[in-house]
N, C-alpha and C. Protein backbone atom coordinates (compact mmCIF):
# COMPACT_ATOMS: atom_id res chain seq x y z
N MET A 1 -5.12 7.75 10.98
CA MET A 1 -4.14 6.67 11.00
C MET A 1 -2.78 7.24 11.39
N THR A 2 -2.04 6.45 12.13
CA THR A 2 -0.76 6.93 12.61
C THR A 2 0.40 6.60 11.68
N SER A 3 0.20 5.71 10.72
CA SER A 3 1.27 5.36 9.79
C SER A 3 0.69 4.73 8.53
N ASP A 4 1.58 4.55 7.56
CA ASP A 4 1.16 3.85 6.33
C ASP A 4 0.74 2.43 6.65
N HIS A 5 1.41 1.83 7.63
CA HIS A 5 1.07 0.46 8.03
C HIS A 5 -0.34 0.42 8.61
N SER A 6 -0.68 1.42 9.43
CA SER A 6 -2.02 1.49 10.00
C SER A 6 -3.07 1.60 8.90
N ALA A 7 -2.79 2.45 7.93
CA ALA A 7 -3.74 2.63 6.82
C ALA A 7 -3.91 1.33 6.05
N GLN A 8 -2.83 0.61 5.85
CA GLN A 8 -2.88 -0.67 5.14
C GLN A 8 -3.75 -1.67 5.91
N LEU A 9 -3.56 -1.73 7.22
CA LEU A 9 -4.36 -2.65 8.04
C LEU A 9 -5.83 -2.24 8.03
N TYR A 10 -6.09 -0.96 8.14
CA TYR A 10 -7.47 -0.46 8.12
C TYR A 10 -8.17 -0.88 6.83
N GLU A 11 -7.52 -0.62 5.70
CA GLU A 11 -8.11 -0.97 4.40
C GLU A 11 -8.36 -2.47 4.31
N PHE A 12 -7.41 -3.25 4.76
CA PHE A 12 -7.51 -4.71 4.73
C PHE A 12 -8.72 -5.18 5.55
N MET A 13 -8.86 -4.64 6.76
CA MET A 13 -9.95 -5.06 7.63
C MET A 13 -11.32 -4.67 7.07
N VAL A 14 -11.41 -3.47 6.53
CA VAL A 14 -12.68 -3.02 5.96
C VAL A 14 -13.05 -3.89 4.76
N ARG A 15 -12.06 -4.20 3.92
CA ARG A 15 -12.33 -5.07 2.76
C ARG A 15 -12.80 -6.46 3.20
N LYS A 16 -12.28 -6.94 4.34
CA LYS A 16 -12.68 -8.26 4.84
C LYS A 16 -14.08 -8.23 5.45
N GLY A 17 -14.60 -7.03 5.74
CA GLY A 17 -15.96 -6.94 6.25
C GLY A 17 -16.08 -6.49 7.69
N TYR A 18 -14.99 -6.05 8.29
CA TYR A 18 -15.07 -5.55 9.66
C TYR A 18 -15.61 -4.12 9.66
N PRO A 19 -16.32 -3.72 10.71
CA PRO A 19 -16.85 -2.35 10.77
C PRO A 19 -15.70 -1.32 10.71
N ALA A 20 -15.95 -0.22 10.01
CA ALA A 20 -14.92 0.80 9.81
C ALA A 20 -14.43 1.37 11.15
N GLU A 21 -15.34 1.62 12.07
CA GLU A 21 -14.95 2.20 13.37
C GLU A 21 -14.05 1.24 14.14
N PHE A 22 -14.41 -0.03 14.17
CA PHE A 22 -13.60 -1.04 14.85
C PHE A 22 -12.24 -1.18 14.16
N SER A 23 -12.24 -1.20 12.85
CA SER A 23 -11.00 -1.32 12.08
C SER A 23 -10.07 -0.15 12.37
N ALA A 24 -10.64 1.04 12.51
CA ALA A 24 -9.84 2.23 12.81
C ALA A 24 -9.17 2.12 14.18
N VAL A 25 -9.90 1.62 15.16
CA VAL A 25 -9.34 1.45 16.50
C VAL A 25 -8.18 0.46 16.47
N VAL A 26 -8.39 -0.67 15.84
CA VAL A 26 -7.33 -1.69 15.76
C VAL A 26 -6.12 -1.14 15.01
N ALA A 27 -6.37 -0.49 13.89
CA ALA A 27 -5.27 0.04 13.07
C ALA A 27 -4.49 1.11 13.80
N ASN A 28 -5.15 1.91 14.62
CA ASN A 28 -4.44 2.95 15.37
C ASN A 28 -3.57 2.36 16.48
N GLU A 29 -3.95 1.22 17.00
CA GLU A 29 -3.15 0.56 18.04
C GLU A 29 -1.97 -0.19 17.44
N LEU A 30 -2.18 -0.80 16.29
CA LEU A 30 -1.14 -1.61 15.64
C LEU A 30 -0.58 -0.81 14.48
N HIS A 31 0.44 -0.02 14.73
CA HIS A 31 0.93 0.89 13.71
C HIS A 31 2.35 0.60 13.23
N THR A 32 2.97 -0.46 13.73
CA THR A 32 4.30 -0.79 13.23
C THR A 32 4.19 -1.92 12.20
N GLU A 33 5.22 -2.06 11.40
CA GLU A 33 5.22 -3.11 10.38
C GLU A 33 5.06 -4.48 11.03
N PHE A 34 5.77 -4.72 12.13
CA PHE A 34 5.71 -6.00 12.84
C PHE A 34 4.28 -6.32 13.29
N THR A 35 3.64 -5.37 13.96
CA THR A 35 2.30 -5.64 14.51
C THR A 35 1.26 -5.76 13.41
N VAL A 36 1.38 -4.94 12.36
CA VAL A 36 0.42 -5.00 11.26
C VAL A 36 0.53 -6.33 10.52
N LYS A 37 1.75 -6.77 10.25
CA LYS A 37 1.92 -8.06 9.57
C LYS A 37 1.35 -9.20 10.41
N ARG A 38 1.56 -9.15 11.72
CA ARG A 38 1.02 -10.21 12.59
C ARG A 38 -0.51 -10.23 12.52
N MET A 39 -1.13 -9.06 12.60
CA MET A 39 -2.59 -9.01 12.59
C MET A 39 -3.13 -9.42 11.22
N MET A 40 -2.51 -8.96 10.16
CA MET A 40 -2.99 -9.32 8.82
C MET A 40 -2.83 -10.83 8.59
N GLY A 41 -1.77 -11.40 9.09
CA GLY A 41 -1.60 -12.85 8.99
C GLY A 41 -2.69 -13.58 9.75
N TYR A 42 -3.00 -13.11 10.93
CA TYR A 42 -4.06 -13.71 11.75
C TYR A 42 -5.41 -13.62 11.03
N LEU A 43 -5.72 -12.44 10.50
CA LEU A 43 -7.01 -12.23 9.86
C LEU A 43 -7.12 -12.97 8.52
N SER A 44 -6.00 -13.23 7.90
CA SER A 44 -6.01 -13.91 6.59
C SER A 44 -6.36 -15.38 6.69
N LYS A 45 -6.24 -15.95 7.85
CA LYS A 45 -6.43 -17.39 8.02
C LYS A 45 -7.89 -17.82 8.00
N SER A 46 -8.82 -16.87 8.09
CA SER A 46 -10.22 -17.27 8.12
C SER A 46 -11.11 -16.14 7.62
N ASP A 47 -12.40 -16.43 7.59
CA ASP A 47 -13.37 -15.40 7.25
C ASP A 47 -13.45 -14.41 8.41
N VAL A 48 -14.45 -13.59 8.40
CA VAL A 48 -14.60 -12.58 9.45
C VAL A 48 -14.78 -13.27 10.80
N LEU A 49 -13.89 -12.92 11.72
CA LEU A 49 -13.93 -13.47 13.07
C LEU A 49 -14.76 -12.56 13.97
N PRO A 50 -15.24 -13.07 15.10
CA PRO A 50 -15.94 -12.20 16.04
C PRO A 50 -15.01 -11.07 16.50
N LEU A 51 -15.58 -9.89 16.71
CA LEU A 51 -14.79 -8.73 17.09
C LEU A 51 -14.00 -8.98 18.38
N GLU A 52 -14.57 -9.76 19.29
CA GLU A 52 -13.89 -10.06 20.55
C GLU A 52 -12.59 -10.83 20.30
N GLU A 53 -12.62 -11.75 19.37
CA GLU A 53 -11.41 -12.53 19.05
C GLU A 53 -10.34 -11.65 18.42
N VAL A 54 -10.76 -10.74 17.56
CA VAL A 54 -9.80 -9.84 16.93
C VAL A 54 -9.20 -8.92 17.99
N ALA A 55 -10.04 -8.41 18.90
CA ALA A 55 -9.54 -7.55 19.98
C ALA A 55 -8.56 -8.32 20.86
N ASP A 56 -8.87 -9.57 21.19
CA ASP A 56 -7.96 -10.40 22.00
C ASP A 56 -6.62 -10.60 21.29
N GLU A 57 -6.66 -10.84 19.98
CA GLU A 57 -5.43 -11.01 19.22
C GLU A 57 -4.62 -9.71 19.19
N MET A 58 -5.31 -8.60 19.06
CA MET A 58 -4.62 -7.31 19.08
C MET A 58 -3.88 -7.13 20.40
N LEU A 59 -4.53 -7.45 21.50
CA LEU A 59 -3.90 -7.32 22.82
C LEU A 59 -2.72 -8.28 22.95
N ALA A 60 -2.85 -9.48 22.41
CA ALA A 60 -1.75 -10.45 22.46
C ALA A 60 -0.55 -9.95 21.65
N ILE A 61 -0.83 -9.36 20.49
CA ILE A 61 0.25 -8.83 19.65
C ILE A 61 0.94 -7.68 20.38
N LEU A 62 0.18 -6.80 20.99
CA LEU A 62 0.78 -5.69 21.73
C LEU A 62 1.61 -6.18 22.91
N SER A 63 1.12 -7.21 23.57
CA SER A 63 1.85 -7.80 24.69
C SER A 63 3.17 -8.40 24.22
N ASP A 64 3.14 -9.12 23.10
CA ASP A 64 4.37 -9.68 22.53
C ASP A 64 5.36 -8.58 22.17
N ARG A 65 4.85 -7.53 21.54
CA ARG A 65 5.72 -6.41 21.16
C ARG A 65 6.37 -5.78 22.39
N ASP A 66 5.57 -5.57 23.43
CA ASP A 66 6.12 -4.99 24.66
C ASP A 66 7.17 -5.89 25.30
N ARG A 67 6.92 -7.19 25.27
CA ARG A 67 7.88 -8.14 25.85
C ARG A 67 9.19 -8.13 25.06
N ILE A 68 9.10 -8.06 23.75
CA ILE A 68 10.31 -8.01 22.91
C ILE A 68 11.07 -6.72 23.16
N MET A 69 10.36 -5.61 23.26
CA MET A 69 11.02 -4.32 23.52
C MET A 69 11.71 -4.35 24.88
N GLN A 70 11.05 -4.91 25.88
CA GLN A 70 11.64 -5.00 27.22
C GLN A 70 12.90 -5.87 27.19
N LYS A 71 12.85 -6.95 26.45
CA LYS A 71 14.01 -7.84 26.33
C LYS A 71 15.20 -7.09 25.72
N HIS A 72 14.94 -6.33 24.67
CA HIS A 72 16.02 -5.57 24.03
C HIS A 72 16.58 -4.51 24.97
N GLN A 73 15.71 -3.86 25.73
CA GLN A 73 16.18 -2.85 26.69
C GLN A 73 17.03 -3.49 27.77
N THR A 74 16.62 -4.64 28.24
CA THR A 74 17.37 -5.35 29.28
C THR A 74 18.73 -5.80 28.74
N GLU A 75 18.74 -6.33 27.54
CA GLU A 75 20.01 -6.75 26.94
C GLU A 75 20.95 -5.58 26.75
N TYR A 76 20.42 -4.44 26.34
CA TYR A 76 21.24 -3.24 26.15
C TYR A 76 21.83 -2.78 27.49
N ALA A 77 20.98 -2.74 28.50
CA ALA A 77 21.45 -2.32 29.83
C ALA A 77 22.51 -3.28 30.35
N GLN A 78 22.31 -4.56 30.17
CA GLN A 78 23.29 -5.55 30.64
C GLN A 78 24.61 -5.39 29.90
N ALA A 79 24.55 -5.13 28.61
CA ALA A 79 25.78 -4.92 27.83
C ALA A 79 26.53 -3.69 28.34
N LYS A 80 25.82 -2.63 28.68
CA LYS A 80 26.47 -1.43 29.21
C LYS A 80 27.10 -1.69 30.57
N ILE A 81 26.42 -2.45 31.41
CA ILE A 81 26.98 -2.80 32.72
C ILE A 81 28.23 -3.63 32.55
N ASN A 82 28.17 -4.61 31.66
CA ASN A 82 29.34 -5.46 31.40
C ASN A 82 30.51 -4.62 30.89
N GLU A 83 30.22 -3.68 30.01
CA GLU A 83 31.26 -2.79 29.47
C GLU A 83 31.88 -1.96 30.59
N MET A 84 31.05 -1.47 31.49
CA MET A 84 31.54 -0.67 32.61
C MET A 84 32.46 -1.51 33.49
N TYR A 85 32.06 -2.74 33.78
CA TYR A 85 32.90 -3.63 34.60
C TYR A 85 34.23 -3.93 33.92
N ARG A 86 34.20 -4.16 32.62
CA ARG A 86 35.45 -4.43 31.89
C ARG A 86 36.41 -3.24 31.95
N LYS A 87 35.89 -2.04 31.89
CA LYS A 87 36.72 -0.83 31.93
C LYS A 87 37.34 -0.63 33.31
N GLN A 88 36.68 -1.12 34.35
CA GLN A 88 37.18 -0.95 35.73
C GLN A 88 38.32 -1.91 36.03
N GLU A 89 38.44 -2.97 35.29
CA GLU A 89 39.47 -3.98 35.58
C GLU A 89 40.83 -3.53 35.19
């Protein structure tokens, strides 16, 4: 496991009845508090879901995380550009 959050997700998935090997793969991919909470919330809404659905949700969560990170990077870069322009005036 890459973090305490990963270990928490792994334990949660195994307790819900998912295979340990599959749970380990998901937990290693979703290792931040944000991604683990999203996945645990998704899994809490029902009984054991098909592995394909869980994998699809994992990919959607990772995609959302990447999009949020890109947005923050873009906002930071734009703020620096704006600051540079203000200093030139």
